[in-house]
Amino acid sequence: MLDVTTNEGRPEGPLTPVCAIGASAGGVRALQTFFESVDPDLGLAYVVIVHLSPDHDSQLSEILTGRTRMPVHQVEDSPKLEPNCVYVIAPDRELVIEGNNVASRPFTEPRGHRAPIDMFFRSVASGRGDGFAVVMSGAGSDGSVGVRKIKEAGGVIFVQDPSEAEFSMMPRSAIATGVADFVEPIERMTGLIAEVARSKDALRRLKDDEARDAVREILAFLYARTGHDFSNYKRATVMRRIARRMQVTRRTSLADYVDYLRENPEEAQDLFGDLLISVTAFFRDPAAFESLAEHSLGPLTRKLDGESKIRVWSAGCATGEEAYSIAMLAVEEAERQQVVPAIQIFATDLDEGALATAREGRYPKAIEADVSHDRLKRFFIEEGTHYLIRKEIREMVLFAHHSALKDPPFIHLDLVACRNLLIYLEREVQHQLLALFHYSLEPGGYLFLGSAESADTDPKLFAPCDREARVYSAKSKSRRSLDLLMQLPPEHRSPFSPARDLEAGVHAKPSPVVHAAALEQFAPPSILVDDEHRILNLSKSAGQFIRPPEGPFTSDLPSVLRAELRSEIVPALNRAFEAGEPR
């Protein structure tokens, strides 16, 4: 049988699937409707988190007992989760998942900063790697961070239709994250939960050989539709994402899902989006970010000469939290050294929806769990149920659509941050991507990886600055790094090629021919221009950097460059012509 739910480090053996329900103001009525209409024999353990007064007893378990034939328990200690049972939070407590148990404990945050729904949703995501999350009527935005975590882990998200909710702010905040799979009235939602639960149960009966052939067919179809190849992703990662889409589409077999994928063009984009889901948060692993400031941003700031900038690439930036965290650290480090902050962060991802969120820089108030009060006050503007990144920080980060595995890399960098991408890739591709990052970095530049990743496998490329925090420094370019780089697609290969290959016909051929024959073979995408910046020739893959304006055609390079590239390329062109040498 195929296991699509067990993740490394999580409890082995059969676990009772969890349906986590969050509600606040107006939620009691929604909960009553939910338990009156939900099928009591789906095999789920329902855990109900509501905002309760810490000074009064709760009657919620008694209220729900009258609405369902499932047993209802108020959680006082750490009971084992049983199928077809309901567990309700107690006053002045928070709940977390511990293996196959749900544990009650005192709040870890002071009053006024508590988000018990987010706390439990996060716990389900980290402890189980999947699950169902339901957001019902309530004020505020509690749950809006947690639903992202559950979806990242492979779970399915249900939100009450705001038009039905007595208080719509909590459902609207969850919907605004862009991760809701279903937005429905309660009675319609319970029917969908039953369908998804049955699909989830069918997944446990999949056989390995059936899955292997179907996954190969699905990835080939996805490549044909999107142009992106996920064959180098770890099979378990791909299978978990496909399994999540099977649940959302209520398919009970892989063959059924393949048919659905072919018959519904929009499903290819939905699966593509699921495969791009990455785990991110502000200052994720705080100790690692402290080490980054000490071992990387501190030394880089001390080297600034008044004109230069620290150049950073945040690869796989998702919704931008990591890139903005680095920007905040850079500002704090500049203030410590009493210099003007000088940093340019290139933050890239394939997910256009995530990039739109990142560019807006607006996040739910539940980020209070990850960002200190001082940083919230210093770097954010409070806007009702959300926080907005201040303009001075947003302007330090340039977000762009880009594939680290497919598109040309950024170069002359001081820091590359790529956290929680390598863990999804096969080992050989990990080595190649590390070589790419090494090529992108200046000697002595820094690499920042996720807590489950390492560059220790390539000791000729990187040396550890803080192995536990996953901060590394780039060694000088070597034959080893060039050999690894040449295993990547041609657009990634190093320009450090033997000169003899260029010299043979340099005087015999006109310059566009030399450009096409030599540079296209050995270098990243490039454009040949004259001294007035007019385009003379394009290499094969350079077109992705150009977006011609409306109206008459122009060959003026600055006029046709993508807007996000002009600030870097135009000054570089000017410097190159002034110095009389290529750059």
Protein backbone atom coordinates (compact mmCIF):
# COMPACT_ATOMS: atom_id res chain seq x y z
CA MET A 1 0.00 0.00 0.00
CA LEU A 2 1.10 3.56 -0.62
CA ASP A 3 1.58 5.89 2.36
CA VAL A 4 0.85 9.46 1.29
CA THR A 5 0.45 11.03 4.72
CA THR A 6 3.38 10.04 6.91
CA ASN A 7 6.23 12.57 6.96
CA GLU A 8 9.68 12.08 8.39
CA GLY A 9 9.72 12.88 12.11
CA ARG A 10 5.96 12.40 12.51
CA PRO A 11 4.41 9.50 14.43
CA GLU A 12 4.20 6.22 12.53
CA GLY A 13 1.16 3.96 12.52
CA PRO A 14 -2.52 4.69 12.00
CA LEU A 15 -3.56 8.15 13.12
CA THR A 16 -7.11 9.36 13.47
CA PRO A 17 -7.66 12.05 10.79
CA VAL A 18 -8.39 15.47 12.30
CA CYS A 19 -11.01 18.02 11.30
CA ALA A 20 -9.97 21.23 13.09
CA ILE A 21 -12.75 23.81 13.45
CA GLY A 22 -12.17 27.46 14.41
CA ALA A 23 -14.98 29.85 15.36
CA SER A 24 -15.52 32.98 17.41
CA ALA A 25 -18.35 35.52 17.60
CA GLY A 26 -21.50 33.99 16.12
CA GLY A 27 -19.79 30.63 15.94
CA VAL A 28 -22.06 28.69 18.31
CA ARG A 29 -24.98 28.85 15.90
CA ALA A 30 -22.72 27.79 13.00
CA LEU A 31 -21.34 24.89 15.08
CA GLN A 32 -24.85 23.71 15.93
CA THR A 33 -25.80 23.67 12.24
CA PHE A 34 -22.55 21.90 11.37
CA PHE A 35 -22.97 19.03 13.83
CA GLU A 36 -26.65 18.65 13.04
CA SER A 37 -25.86 18.03 9.37
CA VAL A 38 -22.41 16.36 9.25
CA ASP A 39 -22.31 12.57 8.76
CA PRO A 40 -21.33 11.13 12.19
CA ASP A 41 -19.58 8.08 10.67
CA LEU A 42 -16.80 9.64 8.57
CA GLY A 43 -14.02 8.41 10.87
CA LEU A 44 -12.84 11.95 11.72
CA ALA A 45 -11.92 13.42 15.09
CA TYR A 46 -13.46 16.93 15.28
CA VAL A 47 -11.53 19.41 17.41
CA VAL A 48 -13.40 22.66 18.09
CA ILE A 49 -11.46 25.81 18.98
CA VAL A 50 -13.47 28.89 19.97
CA HIS A 51 -12.66 32.12 21.77
CA LEU A 52 -13.91 31.70 25.34
CA SER A 53 -13.90 33.98 28.37
CA PRO A 54 -11.13 32.81 30.72
CA ASP A 55 -13.25 33.74 33.74
CA HIS A 56 -16.37 31.63 33.11
CA ASP A 57 -17.20 27.98 32.58
CA SER A 58 -18.08 26.90 29.05
CA GLN A 59 -21.34 25.18 28.12
CA LEU A 60 -20.26 24.48 24.54
CA SER A 61 -19.79 20.73 25.00
CA GLU A 62 -23.32 20.41 26.44
CA ILE A 63 -24.77 22.51 23.60
CA LEU A 64 -23.12 20.35 20.93
CA THR A 65 -24.06 17.11 22.67
CA GLY A 66 -27.66 17.90 21.82
CA ARG A 67 -26.82 18.33 18.12
CA THR A 68 -24.97 15.09 17.30
CA ARG A 69 -24.92 11.45 18.31
CA MET A 70 -21.11 11.56 18.40
CA PRO A 71 -19.55 11.74 21.90
CA VAL A 72 -18.53 15.32 22.84
CA HIS A 73 -15.68 15.96 25.30
CA GLN A 74 -14.26 19.16 26.77
CA VAL A 75 -10.48 18.65 26.72
CA GLU A 76 -8.99 18.99 30.20
CA ASP A 77 -5.82 16.86 29.87
CA SER A 78 -4.48 14.83 26.90
CA PRO A 79 -7.04 12.33 25.58
CA LYS A 80 -6.39 10.01 22.66
CA LEU A 81 -8.16 11.09 19.48
CA GLU A 82 -10.88 8.62 18.53
CA PRO A 83 -12.80 8.49 15.24
CA ASN A 84 -16.30 9.98 15.22
CA CYS A 85 -15.75 11.99 18.40
CA VAL A 86 -15.87 15.72 19.11
CA TYR A 87 -13.27 17.50 21.30
CA VAL A 88 -13.93 21.03 22.58
CA ILE A 89 -11.44 23.55 23.97
CA ALA A 90 -11.74 24.51 27.65
CA PRO A 91 -11.68 28.11 28.96
CA ASP A 92 -8.26 29.76 29.40
CA ARG A 93 -6.45 26.92 27.60
CA GLU A 94 -4.95 26.22 24.21
CA LEU A 95 -4.87 22.88 22.40
CA VAL A 96 -2.06 21.18 20.47
CA ILE A 97 -1.62 17.84 18.73
CA GLU A 98 0.77 15.36 20.36
CA GLY A 99 0.95 12.21 18.26
CA ASN A 100 -2.54 10.73 18.29
CA ASN A 101 -3.56 12.80 21.30
CA VAL A 102 -4.92 16.31 21.75
CA ALA A 103 -3.32 18.10 24.69
CA SER A 104 -4.70 20.99 26.75
CA ARG A 105 -2.18 23.42 28.21
CA PRO A 106 -2.01 26.99 29.60
CA PHE A 107 -1.73 29.77 27.02
CA THR A 108 1.82 30.46 25.87
CA GLU A 109 1.02 34.07 24.92
CA PRO A 110 -0.23 36.91 27.15
CA ARG A 111 -3.84 38.00 26.99
CA GLY A 112 -4.42 40.28 24.01
CA HIS A 113 -1.88 38.38 21.87
CA ARG A 114 -3.52 34.97 21.87
CA ALA A 115 -4.57 33.20 18.67
CA PRO A 116 -5.75 29.73 19.79
CA ILE A 117 -7.18 28.81 16.39
CA ASP A 118 -3.90 29.57 14.62
CA MET A 119 -2.04 27.74 17.37
CA PHE A 120 -4.04 24.55 16.88
CA PHE A 121 -4.03 24.74 13.07
CA ARG A 122 -0.25 25.08 13.12
CA SER A 123 -0.02 22.14 15.49
CA VAL A 124 -2.10 19.97 13.14
CA ALA A 125 0.11 20.98 10.18
CA SER A 126 3.39 20.18 11.94
CA GLY A 127 2.15 17.10 13.79
CA ARG A 128 0.19 15.44 11.01
CA GLY A 129 1.22 16.84 7.65
CA ASP A 130 -2.39 17.08 6.51
CA GLY A 131 -5.88 17.36 8.02
CA PHE A 132 -9.01 19.42 7.45
CA ALA A 133 -9.37 23.02 8.64
CA VAL A 134 -12.75 24.75 8.94
CA VAL A 135 -13.11 28.49 9.58
CA MET A 136 -16.53 29.74 10.73
CA SER A 137 -18.14 32.97 11.90
CA GLY A 138 -15.97 35.28 13.98
CA ALA A 139 -14.40 38.70 14.36
CA GLY A 140 -10.70 39.27 13.71
CA SER A 141 -8.31 37.13 11.69
CA ASP A 142 -7.46 34.21 13.99
CA GLY A 143 -6.96 31.14 11.80
CA SER A 144 -5.73 32.96 8.70
CA VAL A 145 -2.09 32.03 9.32
CA GLY A 146 -2.94 28.50 10.40
CA VAL A 147 -4.95 27.68 7.26
CA ARG A 148 -1.86 28.42 5.18
CA LYS A 149 0.20 26.06 7.31
CA ILE A 150 -2.34 23.25 6.96
CA LYS A 151 -2.53 23.69 3.20
CA GLU A 152 1.27 23.79 2.96
CA ALA A 153 1.31 20.47 4.82
CA GLY A 154 -1.20 18.89 2.44
CA GLY A 155 -4.52 19.57 4.20
CA VAL A 156 -7.83 20.81 2.82
CA ILE A 157 -9.37 24.17 3.78
CA PHE A 158 -13.11 24.87 4.23
CA VAL A 159 -14.47 28.36 4.99
CA GLN A 160 -18.02 29.37 5.85
CA ASP A 161 -19.59 31.64 3.24
CA PRO A 162 -19.17 35.16 4.69
CA SER A 163 -22.65 36.12 3.51
CA GLU A 164 -24.06 33.41 5.81
CA ALA A 165 -21.75 34.05 8.79
CA GLU A 166 -23.10 36.18 11.62
CA PHE A 167 -19.66 37.83 11.84
CA SER A 168 -17.84 37.68 8.50
CA MET A 169 -14.37 39.02 9.34
CA MET A 170 -12.77 35.69 10.25
CA PRO A 171 -14.04 33.91 7.12
CA ARG A 172 -13.05 36.88 4.94
CA SER A 173 -9.55 36.91 6.44
CA ALA A 174 -9.15 33.20 5.71
CA ILE A 175 -10.40 33.68 2.15
CA ALA A 176 -7.99 36.60 1.65
CA THR A 177 -5.03 34.25 2.12
CA GLY A 178 -5.93 32.62 -1.19
CA VAL A 179 -5.69 29.07 0.21
CA ALA A 180 -9.38 28.24 0.76
CA ASP A 181 -10.42 25.16 -1.21
CA PHE A 182 -14.14 25.51 -0.48
CA VAL A 183 -16.20 28.56 0.53
CA GLU A 184 -19.72 27.35 1.22
CA PRO A 185 -22.73 27.66 3.55
CA ILE A 186 -22.44 25.25 6.48
CA GLU A 187 -24.97 22.70 5.27
CA ARG A 188 -23.31 22.47 1.85
CA MET A 189 -19.88 22.35 3.50
CA THR A 190 -20.71 19.25 5.58
CA GLY A 191 -21.61 17.33 2.42
CA LEU A 192 -18.30 18.30 0.84
CA ILE A 193 -16.39 17.24 3.95
CA ALA A 194 -18.04 13.81 3.66
CA GLU A 195 -16.94 13.50 0.00
CA VAL A 196 -13.39 14.64 0.75
CA ALA A 197 -13.13 12.30 3.74
CA ARG A 198 -14.15 9.32 1.60
CA SER A 199 -11.59 10.31 -1.03
CA LYS A 200 -8.94 10.53 1.69
CA ASP A 201 -9.83 7.05 2.89
CA ALA A 202 -9.53 5.70 -0.68
CA LEU A 203 -5.98 7.11 -0.92
CA ARG A 204 -4.82 4.67 1.74
CA ARG A 205 -5.63 1.76 -0.56
CA LEU A 206 -3.49 2.94 -3.48
CA LYS A 207 -0.81 0.48 -4.61
CA ASP A 208 2.78 1.52 -5.34
CA ASP A 209 2.88 0.31 -8.95
CA GLU A 210 -0.41 2.04 -9.75
CA ALA A 211 0.87 5.28 -8.21
CA ARG A 212 4.23 5.14 -10.01
CA ASP A 213 2.72 4.90 -13.49
CA ALA A 214 -0.01 7.46 -12.79
CA VAL A 215 2.43 10.01 -11.33
CA ARG A 216 4.63 9.70 -14.42
CA GLU A 217 1.60 10.34 -16.64
CA ILE A 218 0.43 13.27 -14.51
CA LEU A 219 3.84 14.98 -14.54
CA ALA A 220 4.18 14.56 -18.30
CA PHE A 221 0.76 16.12 -18.78
CA LEU A 222 1.61 18.95 -16.38
CA TYR A 223 4.84 19.67 -18.26
CA ALA A 224 2.93 19.84 -21.55
CA ARG A 225 0.42 22.28 -20.04
CA THR A 226 2.69 24.53 -17.95
CA GLY A 227 6.21 24.06 -19.35
CA HIS A 228 7.53 23.18 -15.89
CA ASP A 229 9.17 19.84 -15.16
CA PHE A 230 8.59 18.39 -11.69
CA SER A 231 10.23 15.04 -12.43
CA ASN A 232 13.22 16.06 -10.28
CA TYR A 233 11.02 16.59 -7.23
CA LYS A 234 11.03 13.82 -4.66
CA ARG A 235 8.33 11.30 -5.40
CA ALA A 236 6.84 11.47 -1.89
CA THR A 237 6.49 15.24 -2.19
CA VAL A 238 4.77 15.00 -5.57
CA MET A 239 2.47 12.23 -4.35
CA ARG A 240 1.37 14.25 -1.30
CA ARG A 241 0.43 17.19 -3.54
CA ILE A 242 -1.44 14.96 -5.98
CA ALA A 243 -3.19 13.30 -3.04
CA ARG A 244 -4.34 16.69 -1.79
CA ARG A 245 -5.77 17.57 -5.20
CA MET A 246 -7.50 14.18 -5.33
CA GLN A 247 -9.22 15.03 -2.06
CA VAL A 248 -10.22 18.51 -3.20
CA THR A 249 -11.65 17.15 -6.47
CA ARG A 250 -13.19 14.19 -4.61
CA ARG A 251 -11.54 11.55 -6.82
CA THR A 252 -11.31 8.02 -5.40
CA SER A 253 -8.54 6.66 -7.65
CA LEU A 254 -5.51 7.93 -9.51
CA ALA A 255 -7.00 6.80 -12.82
CA ASP A 256 -10.10 8.84 -12.03
CA TYR A 257 -7.92 11.85 -11.20
CA VAL A 258 -5.92 11.51 -14.45
CA ASP A 259 -9.20 11.59 -16.38
CA TYR A 260 -10.36 14.61 -14.39
CA LEU A 261 -7.04 16.37 -15.05
CA ARG A 262 -7.37 15.85 -18.80
CA GLU A 263 -11.02 16.91 -18.91
CA ASN A 264 -10.63 20.06 -16.79
CA PRO A 265 -7.89 22.42 -18.06
CA GLU A 266 -8.01 24.55 -14.92
CA GLU A 267 -7.00 21.55 -12.79
CA ALA A 268 -3.50 21.56 -14.31
CA GLN A 269 -2.99 25.09 -12.96
CA ASP A 270 -4.43 24.11 -9.57
CA LEU A 271 -2.07 21.13 -9.29
CA PHE A 272 0.80 23.33 -10.49
CA GLY A 273 -0.03 25.80 -7.70
CA ASP A 274 -0.10 23.02 -5.12
CA LEU A 275 3.31 21.75 -6.20
CA LEU A 276 4.70 25.27 -5.70
CA ILE A 277 3.41 25.59 -2.13
CA SER A 278 6.33 26.39 0.17
CA VAL A 279 6.62 26.67 3.92
CA THR A 280 7.36 30.23 5.00
CA ALA A 281 6.90 32.67 7.87
CA PHE A 282 8.51 35.81 9.22
CA PHE A 283 11.79 34.95 10.93
CA ARG A 284 11.10 31.22 10.62
CA ASP A 285 13.63 29.57 12.97
CA PRO A 286 14.50 32.79 14.89
CA ALA A 287 17.90 31.51 16.06
CA ALA A 288 18.91 30.92 12.44
CA PHE A 289 18.05 34.50 11.52
CA GLU A 290 20.06 35.77 14.49
CA SER A 291 23.01 33.76 13.19
CA LEU A 292 22.45 35.15 9.68
CA ALA A 293 22.70 38.67 11.07
CA GLU A 294 25.88 37.83 12.98
CA HIS A 295 27.74 35.80 10.34
CA SER A 296 26.49 37.34 7.10
CA LEU A 297 24.70 40.68 7.23
CA GLY A 298 27.02 42.07 9.89
CA PRO A 299 30.26 41.45 7.92
CA LEU A 300 28.62 42.52 4.64
CA THR A 301 27.46 45.79 6.17
CA ARG A 302 30.97 46.51 7.48
CA LYS A 303 32.35 46.11 3.95
CA LEU A 304 30.04 48.74 2.40
CA ASP A 305 32.07 51.57 0.87
CA GLY A 306 29.38 54.21 0.49
CA GLU A 307 28.44 53.41 -3.13
CA SER A 308 27.95 49.64 -3.15
CA LYS A 309 24.89 47.68 -2.06
CA ILE A 310 24.47 44.28 -0.48
CA ARG A 311 22.93 42.10 -3.23
CA VAL A 312 20.64 39.30 -2.07
CA TRP A 313 18.64 36.64 -3.90
CA SER A 314 15.71 35.08 -2.02
CA ALA A 315 14.93 32.05 -4.21
CA GLY A 316 11.49 30.50 -3.83
CA CYS A 317 10.28 33.49 -1.81
CA ALA A 318 6.57 32.45 -1.80
CA THR A 319 4.53 35.25 -0.19
CA GLY A 320 7.58 37.32 0.75
CA GLU A 321 7.98 36.83 4.50
CA GLU A 322 11.58 35.57 4.21
CA ALA A 323 12.69 38.39 1.90
CA TYR A 324 11.15 41.04 4.13
CA SER A 325 12.70 39.41 7.22
CA ILE A 326 16.15 39.75 5.62
CA ALA A 327 15.42 43.40 4.75
CA MET A 328 14.46 44.12 8.37
CA LEU A 329 17.62 42.43 9.64
CA ALA A 330 19.70 44.50 7.22
CA VAL A 331 18.14 47.73 8.49
CA GLU A 332 18.74 46.70 12.11
CA GLU A 333 22.36 45.83 11.33
CA ALA A 334 22.91 49.16 9.54
CA GLU A 335 21.50 51.01 12.55
CA ARG A 336 23.84 49.10 14.87
CA GLN A 337 26.81 50.10 12.72
CA GLN A 338 25.43 53.65 12.26
CA VAL A 339 25.44 53.52 8.47
CA VAL A 340 22.74 54.06 5.85
CA PRO A 341 21.00 50.78 4.93
CA ALA A 342 22.14 49.70 1.45
CA ILE A 343 20.61 46.45 0.27
CA GLN A 344 18.85 45.18 -2.86
CA ILE A 345 16.90 41.94 -2.52
CA PHE A 346 15.77 40.01 -5.59
CA ALA A 347 12.92 37.77 -4.43
CA THR A 348 11.70 35.19 -6.92
CA ASP A 349 9.04 32.52 -7.21
CA LEU A 350 6.94 30.73 -9.82
CA ASP A 351 3.60 31.35 -8.09
CA GLU A 352 2.10 34.60 -9.44
CA GLY A 353 -0.55 34.64 -6.71
CA ALA A 354 2.09 34.38 -3.99
CA LEU A 355 4.14 37.13 -5.66
CA ALA A 356 1.08 39.41 -5.73
CA THR A 357 0.67 38.94 -1.97
CA ALA A 358 4.38 39.59 -1.47
CA ARG A 359 4.36 42.82 -3.49
CA GLU A 360 1.37 44.11 -1.53
CA GLY A 361 3.16 43.35 1.76
CA ARG A 362 -0.08 43.00 3.72
CA TYR A 363 -0.35 40.20 6.27
CA PRO A 364 -2.95 39.12 8.88
CA LYS A 365 -2.52 40.21 12.49
CA ALA A 366 -1.78 36.62 13.44
CA ILE A 367 1.84 37.29 12.39
CA GLU A 368 2.16 38.69 15.90
CA ALA A 369 3.08 35.11 16.82
CA ASP A 370 6.21 35.36 14.63
CA VAL A 371 7.19 39.04 14.75
CA SER A 372 8.25 40.82 17.94
CA HIS A 373 6.33 43.83 19.23
CA ASP A 374 9.33 46.08 18.53
CA ARG A 375 9.58 44.94 14.91
CA LEU A 376 5.83 45.26 14.38
CA LYS A 377 6.04 48.85 15.58
CA ARG A 378 9.21 49.62 13.62
CA PHE A 379 8.53 47.96 10.27
CA PHE A 380 4.73 47.60 9.95
CA ILE A 381 1.65 49.80 9.81
CA GLU A 382 -1.39 48.40 11.62
CA GLU A 383 -4.48 48.36 9.40
CA GLY A 384 -7.46 46.85 11.19
CA THR A 385 -7.07 43.08 11.08
CA HIS A 386 -3.82 43.26 9.08
CA TYR A 387 -0.31 44.68 9.13
CA LEU A 388 1.25 46.44 6.14
CA ILE A 389 5.03 46.40 5.57
CA ARG A 390 6.32 49.96 5.62
CA LYS A 391 7.28 51.45 2.26
CA GLU A 392 10.97 51.78 3.16
CA ILE A 393 11.19 47.99 3.55
CA ARG A 394 9.02 47.15 0.53
CA GLU A 395 11.25 49.28 -1.70
CA MET A 396 14.28 47.18 -0.77
CA VAL A 397 12.74 44.07 -2.31
CA LEU A 398 12.12 43.43 -6.01
CA PHE A 399 9.73 40.52 -6.61
CA ALA A 400 9.87 38.67 -9.94
CA HIS A 401 8.59 35.50 -11.59
CA HIS A 402 11.59 33.18 -11.95
CA SER A 403 12.51 29.49 -11.75
CA ALA A 404 15.77 28.66 -10.02
CA LEU A 405 15.79 25.35 -11.91
CA LYS A 406 15.00 26.73 -15.35
CA ASP A 407 15.78 30.44 -15.71
CA PRO A 408 19.17 32.19 -15.72
CA PRO A 409 20.52 32.93 -12.24
CA PHE A 410 21.26 36.29 -10.69
CA ILE A 411 25.00 36.96 -10.39
CA HIS A 412 27.49 39.00 -8.35
CA LEU A 413 25.50 38.28 -5.20
CA ASP A 414 26.52 38.64 -1.57
CA LEU A 415 23.83 36.38 -0.12
CA VAL A 416 21.53 33.67 -1.46
CA ALA A 417 18.64 32.60 0.78
CA CYS A 418 16.90 29.44 -0.38
CA ARG A 419 15.04 27.80 2.47
CA ASN A 420 12.88 24.68 2.12
CA LEU A 421 13.26 24.18 -1.63
CA LEU A 422 16.16 21.70 -1.69
CA ILE A 423 14.28 19.28 0.58
CA TYR A 424 11.72 18.71 -2.19
CA LEU A 425 14.34 17.87 -4.84
CA GLU A 426 16.23 14.68 -5.68
CA ARG A 427 19.81 14.59 -4.40
CA GLU A 428 21.49 15.05 -7.80
CA VAL A 429 19.41 18.18 -8.50
CA GLN A 430 20.24 19.50 -5.03
CA HIS A 431 23.96 19.31 -5.92
CA GLN A 432 23.37 21.08 -9.22
CA LEU A 433 21.35 23.84 -7.56
CA LEU A 434 24.05 24.34 -4.93
CA ALA A 435 26.56 24.72 -7.78
CA LEU A 436 24.28 27.30 -9.36
CA PHE A 437 24.11 29.28 -6.12
CA HIS A 438 27.90 29.05 -5.80
CA TYR A 439 28.25 30.47 -9.31
CA SER A 440 25.83 33.30 -8.44
CA LEU A 441 27.76 34.32 -5.33
CA GLU A 442 30.88 36.40 -5.11
CA PRO A 443 33.74 34.50 -3.41
CA GLY A 444 33.11 34.77 0.31
CA GLY A 445 29.38 35.39 -0.25
CA TYR A 446 26.86 33.60 1.92
CA LEU A 447 24.26 30.86 1.50
CA PHE A 448 21.29 30.53 3.90
CA LEU A 449 19.37 27.23 3.80
CA GLY A 450 16.43 25.73 5.66
CA SER A 451 16.79 23.77 8.89
CA ALA A 452 16.38 20.40 7.11
CA GLU A 453 18.87 21.24 4.33
CA SER A 454 22.66 21.27 4.11
CA ALA A 455 25.54 22.34 1.87
CA ASP A 456 27.94 20.03 3.70
CA THR A 457 27.58 17.54 0.85
CA ASP A 458 29.58 19.93 -1.36
CA PRO A 459 32.57 20.93 0.82
CA LYS A 460 34.54 22.20 -2.20
CA LEU A 461 31.84 24.81 -2.83
CA PHE A 462 30.83 25.99 0.65
CA ALA A 463 32.28 26.20 4.14
CA PRO A 464 30.02 26.34 7.20
CA CYS A 465 29.82 29.60 9.14
CA ASP A 466 27.18 28.19 11.48
CA ARG A 467 26.25 24.63 10.57
CA GLU A 468 23.30 24.46 12.95
CA ALA A 469 21.78 27.66 11.53
CA ARG A 470 22.59 26.52 7.95
CA VAL A 471 24.69 29.59 7.14
CA TYR A 472 27.57 28.91 4.71
CA SER A 473 30.22 30.93 2.88
CA ALA A 474 31.12 30.39 -0.78
CA LYS A 475 34.63 29.21 -1.58
CA SER A 476 36.51 30.44 -4.66
CA LYS A 477 35.37 29.17 -8.07
CA SER A 478 36.83 25.78 -8.87
CA ARG A 479 36.77 23.08 -11.53
CA ARG A 480 34.31 21.15 -9.31
CA SER A 481 31.76 23.96 -9.33
CA LEU A 482 32.06 24.40 -13.09
CA ASP A 483 31.62 20.67 -13.71
CA LEU A 484 28.44 20.62 -11.64
CA LEU A 485 27.17 23.75 -13.33
CA MET A 486 27.62 22.20 -16.78
CA GLN A 487 25.15 19.47 -15.78
CA LEU A 488 22.38 22.07 -15.61
CA PRO A 489 20.32 23.19 -18.64
CA PRO A 490 22.35 25.30 -21.11
CA GLU A 491 20.87 28.59 -19.90
CA HIS A 492 22.50 27.99 -16.50
CA ARG A 493 25.96 27.10 -17.66
CA SER A 494 28.99 29.08 -16.67
CA PRO A 495 30.47 31.74 -18.96
CA PHE A 496 33.96 30.68 -17.82
CA SER A 497 34.61 28.68 -20.99
CA PRO A 498 37.93 27.99 -22.76
CA ALA A 499 38.96 30.97 -24.84
CA ARG A 500 40.09 28.79 -27.72
CA ASP A 501 36.47 27.99 -28.59
CA LEU A 502 35.82 31.67 -29.15
CA GLU A 503 39.06 32.57 -30.89
CA ALA A 504 38.83 30.22 -33.89
CA GLY A 505 36.37 32.29 -35.91
CA VAL A 506 36.34 35.64 -34.18
CA HIS A 507 37.90 37.50 -37.13
CA ALA A 508 36.27 35.40 -39.86
CA LYS A 509 32.62 35.82 -38.84
CA PRO A 510 30.47 38.92 -38.36
CA SER A 511 29.71 39.70 -34.73
CA PRO A 512 26.09 38.40 -34.63
CA VAL A 513 27.30 34.99 -35.80
CA VAL A 514 30.03 34.88 -33.17
CA HIS A 515 27.46 35.95 -30.60
CA ALA A 516 25.04 33.19 -31.59
CA ALA A 517 27.63 30.43 -31.96
CA ALA A 518 29.81 31.12 -28.94
CA LEU A 519 27.86 32.95 -26.27
CA GLU A 520 24.69 30.89 -26.73
CA GLN A 521 26.73 27.75 -26.24
CA PHE A 522 28.64 28.78 -23.14
CA ALA A 523 27.01 31.78 -21.45
CA PRO A 524 23.72 32.76 -19.87
CA PRO A 525 21.21 34.63 -22.09
CA SER A 526 22.67 37.82 -23.54
CA ILE A 527 21.96 40.79 -25.80
CA LEU A 528 24.43 42.48 -28.16
CA VAL A 529 24.04 46.30 -28.33
CA ASP A 530 25.87 49.21 -29.95
CA ASP A 531 27.15 52.32 -28.18
CA GLU A 532 23.68 53.89 -28.36
CA HIS A 533 22.13 50.88 -26.60
CA ARG A 534 20.38 49.69 -29.77
CA ILE A 535 19.85 45.92 -30.00
CA LEU A 536 21.99 44.21 -32.66
CA ASN A 537 21.39 40.58 -31.72
CA LEU A 538 19.61 38.44 -29.13
CA SER A 539 20.70 35.06 -27.83
CA LYS A 540 18.04 32.34 -28.07
CA SER A 541 16.66 32.63 -24.51
CA ALA A 542 17.10 36.39 -23.96
CA GLY A 543 13.54 37.18 -24.99
CA GLN A 544 12.23 36.42 -21.49
CA PHE A 545 13.86 39.65 -20.26
CA ILE A 546 12.17 41.85 -22.85
CA ARG A 547 8.66 43.29 -22.88
CA PRO A 548 8.22 45.66 -25.87
CA PRO A 549 5.89 48.61 -25.22
CA GLU A 550 2.77 49.33 -27.26
CA GLY A 551 3.16 51.41 -30.43
CA PRO A 552 5.94 51.51 -33.06
CA PHE A 553 8.77 49.01 -32.66
CA THR A 554 11.98 50.28 -31.05
CA SER A 555 15.35 48.57 -30.82
CA ASP A 556 16.39 50.73 -27.85
CA LEU A 557 17.25 48.20 -25.13
CA PRO A 558 16.26 50.31 -22.07
CA SER A 559 12.83 50.89 -23.64
CA VAL A 560 12.05 47.21 -24.10
CA LEU A 561 13.58 45.74 -20.93
CA ARG A 562 11.21 44.38 -18.31
CA ALA A 563 10.57 47.15 -15.79
CA GLU A 564 12.05 45.30 -12.83
CA LEU A 565 15.42 44.92 -14.62
CA ARG A 566 16.01 48.49 -15.84
CA SER A 567 17.41 49.85 -12.58
CA GLU A 568 20.21 47.26 -12.66
CA ILE A 569 20.97 46.86 -16.38
CA VAL A 570 20.95 50.48 -17.61
CA PRO A 571 23.59 51.70 -15.08
CA ALA A 572 25.64 48.59 -15.83
CA LEU A 573 25.54 49.38 -19.56
CA ASN A 574 26.65 52.94 -18.92
CA ARG A 575 29.54 51.76 -16.75
CA ALA A 576 30.58 49.20 -19.38
CA PHE A 577 30.76 51.77 -22.19
CA GLU A 578 32.54 54.30 -19.98
CA ALA A 579 35.15 51.70 -19.02
CA GLY A 580 35.38 50.37 -22.58
CA GLU A 581 35.01 46.76 -21.51
CA PRO A 582 32.23 44.17 -21.32
CA ARG A 583 30.44 43.47 -18.04
